[in-house]
PDB file of N, CA and C in Angstrom:
ATOM      1  N   UNK A   1     -16.298 126.801 189.357  1.00  0.00           N
ATOM      2  CA  UNK A   1     -14.949 127.247 189.217  1.00  0.00           C
ATOM      3  C   UNK A   1     -14.704 128.405 190.163  1.00  0.00           C
ATOM      4  N   UNK A   2     -13.646 128.317 190.893  1.00  0.00           N
ATOM      5  CA  UNK A   2     -13.350 129.352 191.862  1.00  0.00           C
ATOM      6  C   UNK A   2     -12.452 130.423 191.266  1.00  0.00           C
ATOM      7  N   UNK A   3     -12.113 131.393 192.064  1.00  0.00           N
ATOM      8  CA  UNK A   3     -11.290 132.518 191.635  1.00  0.00           C
ATOM      9  C   UNK A   3      -9.903 132.044 191.206  1.00  0.00           C
ATOM     10  N   UNK A   4      -9.358 131.105 191.914  1.00  0.00           N
ATOM     11  CA  UNK A   4      -8.033 130.611 191.575  1.00  0.00           C
ATOM     12  C   UNK A   4      -8.031 129.913 190.230  1.00  0.00           C
ATOM     13  N   UNK A   5      -9.064 129.192 189.917  1.00  0.00           N
ATOM     14  CA  UNK A   5      -9.126 128.488 188.645  1.00  0.00           C
ATOM     15  C   UNK A   5      -9.171 129.458 187.480  1.00  0.00           C
ATOM     16  N   UNK A   6      -9.920 130.530 187.595  1.00  0.00           N
ATOM     17  CA  UNK A   6      -9.982 131.510 186.505  1.00  0.00           C
ATOM     18  C   UNK A   6      -8.645 132.201 186.309  1.00  0.00           C
ATOM     19  N   UNK A   7      -7.959 132.551 187.394  1.00  0.00           N
ATOM     20  CA  UNK A   7      -6.641 133.177 187.268  1.00  0.00           C
ATOM     21  C   UNK A   7      -5.641 132.214 186.631  1.00  0.00           C
ATOM     22  N   UNK A   8      -5.768 130.962 186.976  1.00  0.00           N
ATOM     23  CA  UNK A   8      -4.850 129.974 186.421  1.00  0.00           C
ATOM     24  C   UNK A   8      -5.027 129.859 184.906  1.00  0.00           C
ATOM     25  N   UNK A   9      -6.242 129.814 184.434  1.00  0.00           N
ATOM     26  CA  UNK A   9      -6.473 129.673 183.000  1.00  0.00           C
ATOM     27  C   UNK A   9      -6.129 130.951 182.245  1.00  0.00           C
ATOM     28  N   UNK A  10      -6.251 132.083 182.863  1.00  0.00           N
ATOM     29  CA  UNK A  10      -5.942 133.349 182.213  1.00  0.00           C
ATOM     30  C   UNK A  10      -4.433 133.483 181.961  1.00  0.00           C
ATOM     31  N   UNK A  11      -3.579 133.025 182.845  1.00  0.00           N
ATOM     32  CA  UNK A  11      -2.137 133.187 182.726  1.00  0.00           C
ATOM     33  C   UNK A  11      -1.453 131.980 182.097  1.00  0.00           C
ATOM     34  N   UNK A  12      -2.178 131.017 181.715  1.00  0.00           N
ATOM     35  CA  UNK A  12      -1.604 129.814 181.152  1.00  0.00           C
ATOM     36  C   UNK A  12      -1.203 130.061 179.703  1.00  0.00           C
ATOM     37  N   UNK A  13      -0.009 129.608 179.333  1.00  0.00           N
ATOM     38  CA  UNK A  13       0.472 129.715 177.952  1.00  0.00           C
ATOM     39  C   UNK A  13       0.866 128.332 177.464  1.00  0.00           C
ATOM     40  N   UNK A  14       1.042 128.219 176.170  1.00  0.00           N
ATOM     41  CA  UNK A  14       1.451 126.937 175.602  1.00  0.00           C
ATOM     42  C   UNK A  14       2.972 126.847 175.427  1.00  0.00           C
ATOM     43  N   UNK A  15       3.691 127.847 175.884  1.00  0.00           N
ATOM     44  CA  UNK A  15       5.149 127.834 175.793  1.00  0.00           C
ATOM     45  C   UNK A  15       5.716 126.788 176.745  1.00  0.00           C
ATOM     46  N   UNK A  16       6.756 126.083 176.318  1.00  0.00           N
ATOM     47  CA  UNK A  16       7.365 125.111 177.226  1.00  0.00           C
ATOM     48  C   UNK A  16       8.036 125.815 178.401  1.00  0.00           C
ATOM     49  N   UNK A  17       8.130 125.107 179.486  1.00  0.00           N
ATOM     50  CA  UNK A  17       8.715 125.656 180.705  1.00  0.00           C
ATOM     51  C   UNK A  17       9.998 124.886 180.994  1.00  0.00           C
ATOM     52  N   UNK A  18      11.026 125.575 181.481  1.00  0.00           N
ATOM     53  CA  UNK A  18      12.278 124.919 181.862  1.00  0.00           C
ATOM     54  C   UNK A  18      13.330 125.053 180.770  1.00  0.00           C
ATOM     55  N   UNK A  19      14.254 124.094 180.708  1.00  0.00           N
ATOM     56  CA  UNK A  19      15.362 124.187 179.756  1.00  0.00           C
ATOM     57  C   UNK A  19      14.906 124.229 178.292  1.00  0.00           C
ATOM     58  N   UNK A  20      13.796 123.599 177.976  1.00  0.00           N
ATOM     59  CA  UNK A  20      13.316 123.594 176.595  1.00  0.00           C
ATOM     60  C   UNK A  20      12.854 124.978 176.156  1.00  0.00           C
ATOM     61  N   UNK A  21      12.539 125.859 177.071  1.00  0.00           N
ATOM     62  CA  UNK A  21      12.063 127.191 176.735  1.00  0.00           C
ATOM     63  C   UNK A  21      13.189 128.063 176.197  1.00  0.00           C
ATOM     64  N   UNK A  22      14.425 127.761 176.503  1.00  0.00           N
ATOM     65  CA  UNK A  22      15.549 128.602 176.126  1.00  0.00           C
ATOM     66  C   UNK A  22      16.368 128.034 174.969  1.00  0.00           C
ATOM     67  N   UNK A  23      15.837 127.160 174.161  1.00  0.00           N
ATOM     68  CA  UNK A  23      16.637 126.544 173.104  1.00  0.00           C
ATOM     69  C   UNK A  23      17.105 127.561 172.077  1.00  0.00           C
ATOM     70  N   UNK A  24      16.289 128.568 171.793  1.00  0.00           N
ATOM     71  CA  UNK A  24      16.708 129.598 170.834  1.00  0.00           C
ATOM     72  C   UNK A  24      17.883 130.409 171.377  1.00  0.00           C
ATOM     73  N   UNK A  25      17.800 130.747 172.636  1.00  0.00           N
ATOM     74  CA  UNK A  25      18.887 131.498 173.271  1.00  0.00           C
ATOM     75  C   UNK A  25      20.158 130.665 173.307  1.00  0.00           C
ATOM     76  N   UNK A  26      20.027 129.395 173.670  1.00  0.00           N
ATOM     77  CA  UNK A  26      21.193 128.513 173.705  1.00  0.00           C
ATOM     78  C   UNK A  26      21.809 128.358 172.317  1.00  0.00           C
ATOM     79  N   UNK A  27      20.978 128.227 171.309  1.00  0.00           N
ATOM     80  CA  UNK A  27      21.481 128.107 169.947  1.00  0.00           C
ATOM     81  C   UNK A  27      22.209 129.371 169.522  1.00  0.00           C
ATOM     82  N   UNK A  28      21.697 130.513 169.879  1.00  0.00           N
ATOM     83  CA  UNK A  28      22.336 131.785 169.566  1.00  0.00           C
ATOM     84  C   UNK A  28      23.693 131.906 170.265  1.00  0.00           C
ATOM     85  N   UNK A  29      23.769 131.497 171.506  1.00  0.00           N
ATOM     86  CA  UNK A  29      25.028 131.562 172.260  1.00  0.00           C
ATOM     87  C   UNK A  29      26.066 130.622 171.648  1.00  0.00           C
ATOM     88  N   UNK A  30      25.668 129.413 171.311  1.00  0.00           N
ATOM     89  CA  UNK A  30      26.587 128.458 170.700  1.00  0.00           C
ATOM     90  C   UNK A  30      27.062 128.972 169.338  1.00  0.00           C
ATOM     91  N   UNK A  31      26.153 129.509 168.541  1.00  0.00           N
ATOM     92  CA  UNK A  31      26.529 130.053 167.232  1.00  0.00           C
ATOM     93  C   UNK A  31      27.499 131.213 167.350  1.00  0.00           C
ATOM     94  N   UNK A  32      27.282 132.086 168.314  1.00  0.00           N
ATOM     95  CA  UNK A  32      28.189 133.216 168.531  1.00  0.00           C
ATOM     96  C   UNK A  32      29.561 132.720 168.973  1.00  0.00           C
ATOM     97  N   UNK A  33      29.593 131.712 169.835  1.00  0.00           N
ATOM     98  CA  UNK A  33      30.868 131.158 170.281  1.00  0.00           C
ATOM     99  C   UNK A  33      31.635 130.537 169.126  1.00  0.00           C
ATOM    100  N   UNK A  34      30.964 129.777 168.274  1.00  0.00           N
ATOM    101  CA  UNK A  34      31.615 129.157 167.119  1.00  0.00           C
ATOM    102  C   UNK A  34      32.136 130.229 166.167  1.00  0.00           C
ATOM    103  N   UNK A  35      31.365 131.266 165.918  1.00  0.00           N
ATOM    104  CA  UNK A  35      31.812 132.349 165.040  1.00  0.00           C
ATOM    105  C   UNK A  35      33.021 133.067 165.635  1.00  0.00           C
ATOM    106  N   UNK A  36      33.004 133.331 166.928  1.00  0.00           N
ATOM    107  CA  UNK A  36      34.128 133.999 167.582  1.00  0.00           C
ATOM    108  C   UNK A  36      35.379 133.131 167.533  1.00  0.00           C
ATOM    109  N   UNK A  37      35.235 131.843 167.804  1.00  0.00           N
ATOM    110  CA  UNK A  37      36.384 130.939 167.776  1.00  0.00           C
ATOM    111  C   UNK A  37      36.954 130.836 166.362  1.00  0.00           C
ATOM    112  N   UNK A  38      36.091 130.757 165.358  1.00  0.00           N
ATOM    113  CA  UNK A  38      36.562 130.700 163.976  1.00  0.00           C
ATOM    114  C   UNK A  38      37.307 131.957 163.575  1.00  0.00           C
ATOM    115  N   UNK A  39      36.790 133.108 163.979  1.00  0.00           N
ATOM    116  CA  UNK A  39      37.467 134.372 163.668  1.00  0.00           C
ATOM    117  C   UNK A  39      38.807 134.457 164.380  1.00  0.00           C
ATOM    118  N   UNK A  40      38.881 134.000 165.612  1.00  0.00           N
ATOM    119  CA  UNK A  40      40.143 134.038 166.355  1.00  0.00           C
ATOM    120  C   UNK A  40      41.183 133.141 165.701  1.00  0.00           C
ATOM    121  N   UNK A  41      40.781 131.959 165.280  1.00  0.00           N
ATOM    122  CA  UNK A  41      41.715 131.047 164.600  1.00  0.00           C
ATOM    123  C   UNK A  41      42.184 131.660 163.291  1.00  0.00           C
ATOM    124  N   UNK A  42      41.276 132.241 162.539  1.00  0.00           N
ATOM    125  CA  UNK A  42      41.636 132.847 161.257  1.00  0.00           C
ATOM    126  C   UNK A  42      42.615 134.001 161.452  1.00  0.00           C
ATOM    127  N   UNK A  43      42.373 134.852 162.441  1.00  0.00           N
ATOM    128  CA  UNK A  43      43.270 135.975 162.700  1.00  0.00           C
ATOM    129  C   UNK A  43      44.622 135.510 163.211  1.00  0.00           C
ATOM    130  N   UNK A  44      44.644 134.489 164.049  1.00  0.00           N
ATOM    131  CA  UNK A  44      45.907 133.975 164.564  1.00  0.00           C
ATOM    132  C   UNK A  44      46.739 133.384 163.438  1.00  0.00           C
ATOM    133  N   UNK A  45      46.100 132.650 162.532  1.00  0.00           N
ATOM    134  CA  UNK A  45      46.815 132.042 161.419  1.00  0.00           C
ATOM    135  C   UNK A  45      47.454 133.112 160.540  1.00  0.00           C
ATOM    136  N   UNK A  46      46.751 134.200 160.277  1.00  0.00           N
ATOM    137  CA  UNK A  46      47.286 135.256 159.430  1.00  0.00           C
ATOM    138  C   UNK A  46      48.302 136.140 160.141  1.00  0.00           C
ATOM    139  N   UNK A  47      48.310 136.161 161.469  1.00  0.00           N
ATOM    140  CA  UNK A  47      49.236 137.036 162.186  1.00  0.00           C
ATOM    141  C   UNK A  47      50.590 136.386 162.415  1.00  0.00           C
ATOM    142  N   UNK A  48      50.687 135.073 162.207  1.00  0.00           N
ATOM    143  CA  UNK A  48      51.968 134.404 162.409  1.00  0.00           C
ATOM    144  C   UNK A  48      52.948 134.838 161.336  1.00  0.00           C
ATOM    145  N   UNK A  49      54.215 135.004 161.683  1.00  0.00           N
ATOM    146  CA  UNK A  49      55.196 135.339 160.662  1.00  0.00           C
ATOM    147  C   UNK A  49      55.419 134.150 159.734  1.00  0.00           C
ATOM    148  N   UNK A  50      55.760 134.445 158.508  1.00  0.00           N
ATOM    149  CA  UNK A  50      56.002 133.383 157.537  1.00  0.00           C
ATOM    150  C   UNK A  50      57.213 132.564 157.977  1.00  0.00           C
ATOM    151  N   UNK A  51      57.177 131.284 157.671  1.00  0.00           N
ATOM    152  CA  UNK A  51      58.320 130.432 158.001  1.00  0.00           C
ATOM    153  C   UNK A  51      59.533 130.903 157.231  1.00  0.00           C
ATOM    154  N   UNK A  52      60.646 130.899 157.875  1.00  0.00           N
ATOM    155  CA  UNK A  52      61.875 131.386 157.259  1.00  0.00           C
ATOM    156  C   UNK A  52      62.824 130.235 156.949  1.00  0.00           C
ATOM    157  N   UNK A  53      62.355 129.260 156.163  1.00  0.00           N
ATOM    158  CA  UNK A  53      63.239 128.178 155.770  1.00  0.00           C
ATOM    159  C   UNK A  53      63.741 128.410 154.351  1.00  0.00           C
ATOM    160  N   UNK A  54      64.000 129.664 154.012  1.00  0.00           N
ATOM    161  CA  UNK A  54      64.387 130.010 152.651  1.00  0.00           C
ATOM    162  C   UNK A  54      65.892 129.980 152.433  1.00  0.00           C
ATOM    163  N   UNK A  55      66.655 129.547 153.415  1.00  0.00           N
ATOM    164  CA  UNK A  55      68.087 129.395 153.189  1.00  0.00           C
ATOM    165  C   UNK A  55      68.354 127.942 152.862  1.00  0.00           C
ATOM    166  N   UNK A  56      68.975 127.695 151.726  1.00  0.00           N
ATOM    167  CA  UNK A  56      69.210 126.310 151.324  1.00  0.00           C
ATOM    168  C   UNK A  56      70.111 125.580 152.310  1.00  0.00           C
ATOM    169  N   UNK A  57      69.750 124.366 152.599  1.00  0.00           N
ATOM    170  CA  UNK A  57      70.560 123.533 153.481  1.00  0.00           C
ATOM    171  C   UNK A  57      71.765 123.011 152.710  1.00  0.00           C
ATOM    172  N   UNK A  58      72.769 122.573 153.440  1.00  0.00           N
ATOM    173  CA  UNK A  58      73.964 122.017 152.823  1.00  0.00           C
ATOM    174  C   UNK A  58      73.573 120.796 151.994  1.00  0.00           C
ATOM    175  N   UNK A  59      74.003 120.745 150.757  1.00  0.00           N
ATOM    176  CA  UNK A  59      73.697 119.618 149.878  1.00  0.00           C
ATOM    177  C   UNK A  59      72.448 119.813 149.030  1.00  0.00           C
ATOM    178  N   UNK A  60      71.653 120.848 149.283  1.00  0.00           N
ATOM    179  CA  UNK A  60      70.479 121.083 148.447  1.00  0.00           C
ATOM    180  C   UNK A  60      70.915 121.755 147.147  1.00  0.00           C
ATOM    181  N   UNK A  61      70.054 121.715 146.157  1.00  0.00           N
ATOM    182  CA  UNK A  61      70.389 122.271 144.859  1.00  0.00           C
ATOM    183  C   UNK A  61      69.926 123.713 144.724  1.00  0.00           C
ATOM    184  N   UNK A  62      70.733 124.518 144.046  1.00  0.00           N
ATOM    185  CA  UNK A  62      70.326 125.839 143.590  1.00  0.00           C
ATOM    186  C   UNK A  62      70.194 125.680 142.085  1.00  0.00           C
ATOM    187  N   UNK A  63      68.957 125.692 141.588  1.00  0.00           N
ATOM    188  CA  UNK A  63      68.691 125.328 140.202  1.00  0.00           C
ATOM    189  C   UNK A  63      68.591 126.547 139.299  1.00  0.00           C
ATOM    190  N   UNK A  64      69.046 126.367 138.080  1.00  0.00           N
ATOM    191  CA  UNK A  64      68.855 127.371 137.038  1.00  0.00           C
ATOM    192  C   UNK A  64      67.521 127.054 136.389  1.00  0.00           C
ATOM    193  N   UNK A  65      66.538 127.939 136.540  1.00  0.00           N
ATOM    194  CA  UNK A  65      65.193 127.658 136.043  1.00  0.00           C
ATOM    195  C   UNK A  65      65.141 127.582 134.524  1.00  0.00           C
ATOM    196  N   UNK A  66      66.158 128.094 133.835  1.00  0.00           N
ATOM    197  CA  UNK A  66      66.180 128.040 132.373  1.00  0.00           C
ATOM    198  C   UNK A  66      66.781 126.751 131.831  1.00  0.00           C
ATOM    199  N   UNK A  67      67.532 126.017 132.650  1.00  0.00           N
ATOM    200  CA  UNK A  67      68.165 124.804 132.125  1.00  0.00           C
ATOM    201  C   UNK A  67      67.949 123.573 132.998  1.00  0.00           C
ATOM    202  N   UNK A  68      67.326 123.697 134.145  1.00  0.00           N
ATOM    203  CA  UNK A  68      67.151 122.558 135.055  1.00  0.00           C
ATOM    204  C   UNK A  68      66.173 121.542 134.491  1.00  0.00           C
ATOM    205  N   UNK A  69      66.417 120.294 134.830  1.00  0.00           N
ATOM    206  CA  UNK A  69      65.505 119.219 134.435  1.00  0.00           C
ATOM    207  C   UNK A  69      64.320 119.198 135.396  1.00  0.00           C
ATOM    208  N   UNK A  70      63.306 118.441 135.035  1.00  0.00           N
ATOM    209  CA  UNK A  70      62.118 118.352 135.882  1.00  0.00           C
ATOM    210  C   UNK A  70      62.453 117.811 137.273  1.00  0.00           C
ATOM    211  N   UNK A  71      63.241 116.726 137.396  1.00  0.00           N
ATOM    212  CA  UNK A  71      63.592 116.249 138.747  1.00  0.00           C
ATOM    213  C   UNK A  71      64.394 117.277 139.555  1.00  0.00           C
ATOM    214  N   UNK A  72      65.242 118.055 138.890  1.00  0.00           N
ATOM    215  CA  UNK A  72      65.992 119.092 139.605  1.00  0.00           C
ATOM    216  C   UNK A  72      65.059 120.187 140.111  1.00  0.00           C
ATOM    217  N   UNK A  73      64.085 120.587 139.300  1.00  0.00           N
ATOM    218  CA  UNK A  73      63.131 121.605 139.737  1.00  0.00           C
ATOM    219  C   UNK A  73      62.283 121.119 140.906  1.00  0.00           C
ATOM    220  N   UNK A  74      61.992 119.836 140.940  1.00  0.00           N
ATOM    221  CA  UNK A  74      61.171 119.275 142.012  1.00  0.00           C
ATOM    222  C   UNK A  74      61.896 119.254 143.349  1.00  0.00           C
ATOM    223  N   UNK A  75      63.216 119.484 143.372  1.00  0.00           N
ATOM    224  CA  UNK A  75      63.938 119.545 144.636  1.00  0.00           C
ATOM    225  C   UNK A  75      63.713 120.869 145.359  1.00  0.00           C
ATOM    226  N   UNK A  76      63.196 121.860 144.643  1.00  0.00           N
ATOM    227  CA  UNK A  76      62.913 123.163 145.246  1.00  0.00           C
ATOM    228  C   UNK A  76      61.655 123.026 146.107  1.00  0.00           C
ATOM    229  N   UNK A  77      61.690 123.484 147.369  1.00  0.00           N
ATOM    230  CA  UNK A  77      60.503 123.392 148.226  1.00  0.00           C
ATOM    231  C   UNK A  77      59.321 124.146 147.617  1.00  0.00           C
ATOM    232  N   UNK A  78      58.190 123.463 147.504  1.00  0.00           N
ATOM    233  CA  UNK A  78      56.985 124.087 146.964  1.00  0.00           C
ATOM    234  C   UNK A  78      56.739 123.768 145.500  1.00  0.00           C
ATOM    235  N   UNK A  79      57.680 123.088 144.845  1.00  0.00           N
ATOM    236  CA  UNK A  79      57.496 122.742 143.433  1.00  0.00           C
ATOM    237  C   UNK A  79      57.307 121.237 143.318  1.00  0.00           C
ATOM    238  N   UNK A  80      56.170 120.866 142.738  1.00  0.00           N
ATOM    239  CA  UNK A  80      55.871 119.470 142.478  1.00  0.00           C
ATOM    240  C   UNK A  80      55.967 119.193 140.990  1.00  0.00           C
ATOM    241  N   UNK A  81      55.538 118.024 140.559  1.00  0.00           N
ATOM    242  CA  UNK A  81      55.641 117.644 139.146  1.00  0.00           C
ATOM    243  C   UNK A  81      54.876 118.584 138.210  1.00  0.00           C
ATOM    244  N   UNK A  82      53.678 118.989 138.587  1.00  0.00           N
ATOM    245  CA  UNK A  82      52.878 119.848 137.718  1.00  0.00           C
ATOM    246  C   UNK A  82      53.499 121.228 137.586  1.00  0.00           C
ATOM    247  N   UNK A  83      53.910 121.806 138.689  1.00  0.00           N
ATOM    248  CA  UNK A  83      54.519 123.133 138.659  1.00  0.00           C
ATOM    249  C   UNK A  83      55.855 123.098 137.920  1.00  0.00           C
ATOM    250  N   UNK A  84      56.607 122.019 138.075  1.00  0.00           N
ATOM    251  CA  UNK A  84      57.870 121.886 137.345  1.00  0.00           C
ATOM    252  C   UNK A  84      57.609 121.859 135.840  1.00  0.00           C
ATOM    253  N   UNK A  85      56.568 121.171 135.416  1.00  0.00           N
ATOM    254  CA  UNK A  85      56.220 121.130 133.984  1.00  0.00           C
ATOM    255  C   UNK A  85      55.821 122.511 133.480  1.00  0.00           C
ATOM    256  N   UNK A  86      55.087 123.266 134.286  1.00  0.00           N
ATOM    257  CA  UNK A  86      54.693 124.613 133.881  1.00  0.00           C
ATOM    258  C   UNK A  86      55.892 125.551 133.791  1.00  0.00           C
ATOM    259  N   UNK A  87      56.852 125.385 134.690  1.00  0.00           N
ATOM    260  CA  UNK A  87      58.067 126.207 134.644  1.00  0.00           C
ATOM    261  C   UNK A  87      58.857 125.900 133.380  1.00  0.00           C
ATOM    262  N   UNK A  88      58.987 124.626 133.055  1.00  0.00           N
ATOM    263  CA  UNK A  88      59.716 124.233 131.847  1.00  0.00           C
ATOM    264  C   UNK A  88      59.011 124.768 130.604  1.00  0.00           C
ATOM    265  N   UNK A  89      57.687 124.714 130.572  1.00  0.00           N
ATOM    266  CA  UNK A  89      56.928 125.187 129.412  1.00  0.00           C
ATOM    267  C   UNK A  89      57.022 126.699 129.235  1.00  0.00           C
ATOM    268  N   UNK A  90      57.280 127.449 130.310  1.00  0.00           N
ATOM    269  CA  UNK A  90      57.309 128.902 130.238  1.00  0.00           C
ATOM    270  C   UNK A  90      58.681 129.495 130.003  1.00  0.00           C
ATOM    271  N   UNK A  91      59.681 128.676 129.751  1.00  0.00           N
ATOM    272  CA  UNK A  91      61.042 129.169 129.547  1.00  0.00           C
ATOM    273  C   UNK A  91      61.136 130.008 128.296  1.00  0.00           C
ATOM    274  N   UNK A  92      62.057 130.918 128.197  1.00  0.00           N
ATOM    275  CA  UNK A  92      63.118 131.348 129.105  1.00  0.00           C
ATOM    276  C   UNK A  92      62.626 132.448 130.038  1.00  0.00           C
ATOM    277  N   UNK A  93      63.361 132.632 131.129  1.00  0.00           N
ATOM    278  CA  UNK A  93      63.063 133.649 132.135  1.00  0.00           C
ATOM    279  C   UNK A  93      64.237 134.610 132.234  1.00  0.00           C
ATOM    280  N   UNK A  94      63.950 135.889 132.287  1.00  0.00           N
ATOM    281  CA  UNK A  94      65.002 136.896 132.439  1.00  0.00           C
ATOM    282  C   UNK A  94      65.480 136.974 133.885  1.00  0.00           C
ATOM    283  N   UNK A  95      64.556 136.805 134.828  1.00  0.00           N
ATOM    284  CA  UNK A  95      64.902 136.805 136.241  1.00  0.00           C
ATOM    285  C   UNK A  95      63.968 135.848 136.967  1.00  0.00           C
ATOM    286  N   UNK A  96      64.299 135.561 138.201  1.00  0.00           N
ATOM    287  CA  UNK A  96      63.466 134.665 139.005  1.00  0.00           C
ATOM    288  C   UNK A  96      62.089 135.288 139.236  1.00  0.00           C
ATOM    289  N   UNK A  97      62.012 136.620 139.233  1.00  0.00           N
ATOM    290  CA  UNK A  97      60.734 137.307 139.422  1.00  0.00           C
ATOM    291  C   UNK A  97      59.732 137.000 138.316  1.00  0.00           C
ATOM    292  N   UNK A  98      60.199 136.573 137.147  1.00  0.00           N
ATOM    293  CA  UNK A  98      59.297 136.241 136.042  1.00  0.00           C
ATOM    294  C   UNK A  98      58.442 135.013 136.336  1.00  0.00           C
ATOM    295  N   UNK A  99      58.792 134.247 137.356  1.00  0.00           N
ATOM    296  CA  UNK A  99      58.037 133.030 137.676  1.00  0.00           C
ATOM    297  C   UNK A  99      56.636 133.331 138.206  1.00  0.00           C
ATOM    298  N   UNK A 100      56.365 134.559 138.627  1.00  0.00           N
ATOM    299  CA  UNK A 100      55.025 134.876 139.137  1.00  0.00           C
ATOM    300  C   UNK A 100      53.973 134.842 138.043  1.00  0.00           C
ATOM    301  N   UNK A 101      54.379 134.849 136.798  1.00  0.00           N
ATOM    302  CA  UNK A 101      53.389 134.761 135.712  1.00  0.00           C
ATOM    303  C   UNK A 101      52.845 133.344 135.548  1.00  0.00           C
ATOM    304  N   UNK A 102      53.416 132.387 136.245  1.00  0.00           N
ATOM    305  CA  UNK A 102      52.954 131.001 136.194  1.00  0.00           C
ATOM    306  C   UNK A 102      51.846 130.818 137.222  1.00  0.00           C
ATOM    307  N   UNK A 103      50.751 130.198 136.788  1.00  0.00           N
ATOM    308  CA  UNK A 103      49.640 129.919 137.703  1.00  0.00           C
ATOM    309  C   UNK A 103      50.127 128.974 138.798  1.00  0.00           C
ATOM    310  N   UNK A 104      49.911 129.348 140.030  1.00  0.00           N
ATOM    311  CA  UNK A 104      50.334 128.517 141.147  1.00  0.00           C
ATOM    312  C   UNK A 104      51.536 129.075 141.881  1.00  0.00           C
ATOM    313  N   UNK A 105      52.180 130.090 141.314  1.00  0.00           N
ATOM    314  CA  UNK A 105      53.305 130.733 141.990  1.00  0.00           C
ATOM    315  C   UNK A 105      52.921 132.183 142.235  1.00  0.00           C
ATOM    316  N   UNK A 106      52.822 132.531 143.491  1.00  0.00           N
ATOM    317  CA  UNK A 106      52.509 133.906 143.871  1.00  0.00           C
ATOM    318  C   UNK A 106      53.718 134.558 144.505  1.00  0.00           C
ATOM    319  N   UNK A 107      53.523 135.757 144.987  1.00  0.00           N
ATOM    320  CA  UNK A 107      54.632 136.507 145.593  1.00  0.00           C
ATOM    321  C   UNK A 107      55.180 135.792 146.829  1.00  0.00           C
ATOM    322  N   UNK A 108      54.290 135.285 147.669  1.00  0.00           N
ATOM    323  CA  UNK A 108      54.739 134.631 148.905  1.00  0.00           C
ATOM    324  C   UNK A 108      55.506 133.351 148.619  1.00  0.00           C
ATOM    325  N   UNK A 109      54.970 132.530 147.717  1.00  0.00           N
ATOM    326  CA  UNK A 109      55.665 131.279 147.418  1.00  0.00           C
ATOM    327  C   UNK A 109      56.973 131.546 146.688  1.00  0.00           C
ATOM    328  N   UNK A 110      57.026 132.577 145.855  1.00  0.00           N
ATOM    329  CA  UNK A 110      58.266 132.916 145.171  1.00  0.00           C
ATOM    330  C   UNK A 110      59.340 133.339 146.167  1.00  0.00           C
ATOM    331  N   UNK A 111      58.955 134.074 147.209  1.00  0.00           N
ATOM    332  CA  UNK A 111      59.934 134.492 148.218  1.00  0.00           C
ATOM    333  C   UNK A 111      60.521 133.290 148.948  1.00  0.00           C
ATOM    334  N   UNK A 112      59.709 132.250 149.175  1.00  0.00           N
ATOM    335  CA  UNK A 112      60.214 131.043 149.822  1.00  0.00           C
ATOM    336  C   UNK A 112      61.147 130.257 148.912  1.00  0.00           C
ATOM    337  N   UNK A 113      60.917 130.334 147.597  1.00  0.00           N
ATOM    338  CA  UNK A 113      61.708 129.560 146.643  1.00  0.00           C
ATOM    339  C   UNK A 113      62.922 130.308 146.106  1.00  0.00           C
ATOM    340  N   UNK A 114      62.958 131.597 146.271  1.00  0.00           N
ATOM    341  CA  UNK A 114      63.971 132.444 145.624  1.00  0.00           C
ATOM    342  C   UNK A 114      65.405 131.983 145.886  1.00  0.00           C
ATOM    343  N   UNK A 115      65.723 131.588 147.122  1.00  0.00           N
ATOM    344  CA  UNK A 115      67.091 131.196 147.460  1.00  0.00           C
ATOM    345  C   UNK A 115      67.508 129.896 146.785  1.00  0.00           C
ATOM    346  N   UNK A 116      66.560 129.140 146.261  1.00  0.00           N
ATOM    347  CA  UNK A 116      66.851 127.870 145.624  1.00  0.00           C
ATOM    348  C   UNK A 116      66.920 127.985 144.102  1.00  0.00           C
ATOM    349  N   UNK A 117      66.742 129.188 143.549  1.00  0.00           N
ATOM    350  CA  UNK A 117      66.653 129.376 142.096  1.00  0.00           C
ATOM    351  C   UNK A 117      67.564 130.490 141.616  1.00  0.00           C
ATOM    352  N   UNK A 118      67.942 130.372 140.352  1.00  0.00           N
ATOM    353  CA  UNK A 118      68.693 131.426 139.675  1.00  0.00           C
ATOM    354  C   UNK A 118      68.402 131.313 138.183  1.00  0.00           C
ATOM    355  N   UNK A 119      68.816 132.304 137.414  1.00  0.00           N
ATOM    356  CA  UNK A 119      68.560 132.272 135.975  1.00  0.00           C
ATOM    357  C   UNK A 119      69.848 132.215 135.142  1.00  0.00           C
ATOM    358  N   UNK A 120      70.996 132.269 135.772  1.00  0.00           N
ATOM    359  CA  UNK A 120      72.247 132.170 135.020  1.00  0.00           C
ATOM    360  C   UNK A 120      73.143 131.124 135.668  1.00  0.00           C
ATOM    361  N   UNK A 121      74.094 130.605 134.911  1.00  0.00           N
ATOM    362  CA  UNK A 121      74.988 129.594 135.421  1.00  0.00           C
ATOM    363  C   UNK A 121      74.344 128.215 135.394  1.00  0.00           C
ATOM    364  N   UNK A 122      75.026 127.289 136.015  1.00  0.00           N
ATOM    365  CA  UNK A 122      74.554 125.903 136.034  1.00  0.00           C
ATOM    366  C   UNK A 122      73.887 125.581 137.369  1.00  0.00           C
ATOM    367  N   UNK A 123      73.063 124.541 137.345  1.00  0.00           N
ATOM    368  CA  UNK A 123      72.488 124.030 138.584  1.00  0.00           C
ATOM    369  C   UNK A 123      73.619 123.433 139.411  1.00  0.00           C
ATOM    370  N   UNK A 124      73.680 123.791 140.660  1.00  0.00           N
ATOM    371  CA  UNK A 124      74.795 123.341 141.487  1.00  0.00           C
ATOM    372  C   UNK A 124      74.323 123.017 142.892  1.00  0.00           C
ATOM    373  N   UNK A 125      75.033 122.092 143.545  1.00  0.00           N
ATOM    374  CA  UNK A 125      74.703 121.821 144.942  1.00  0.00           C
ATOM    375  C   UNK A 125      75.183 122.967 145.823  1.00  0.00           C
ATOM    376  N   UNK A 126      74.527 123.177 146.917  1.00  0.00           N
ATOM    377  CA  UNK A 126      74.862 124.247 147.851  1.00  0.00           C
ATOM    378  C   UNK A 126      75.978 123.801 148.731  1.00  0.00           C
TER     379      UNK A 126
END
């Protein structure tokens, strides 16, 4: 064995050489990119202003939550059959703000529905 052979065996490692050697680094870079993209999407979604479709269109109903029927309540954007049943079960309401005590109606959804609801008078078309 010559001098070159001994140097070769001394510096030899079992680590892969080439693209396979960097798989951990590549995985870390991809993971960081996915995390950054997810955070950017999440922040963008929360920074958008809320949709302002809270003005009733011509012909839509403004319902009295204390006397409206289930089909009338379902005409309000954001209220389906289950939520309409919960609203009927929780009657009477002193104001539209009392609807937040119902599971499924929060402050944001109430603000979107407010223009379509009232607590006095009859249900009427807009």
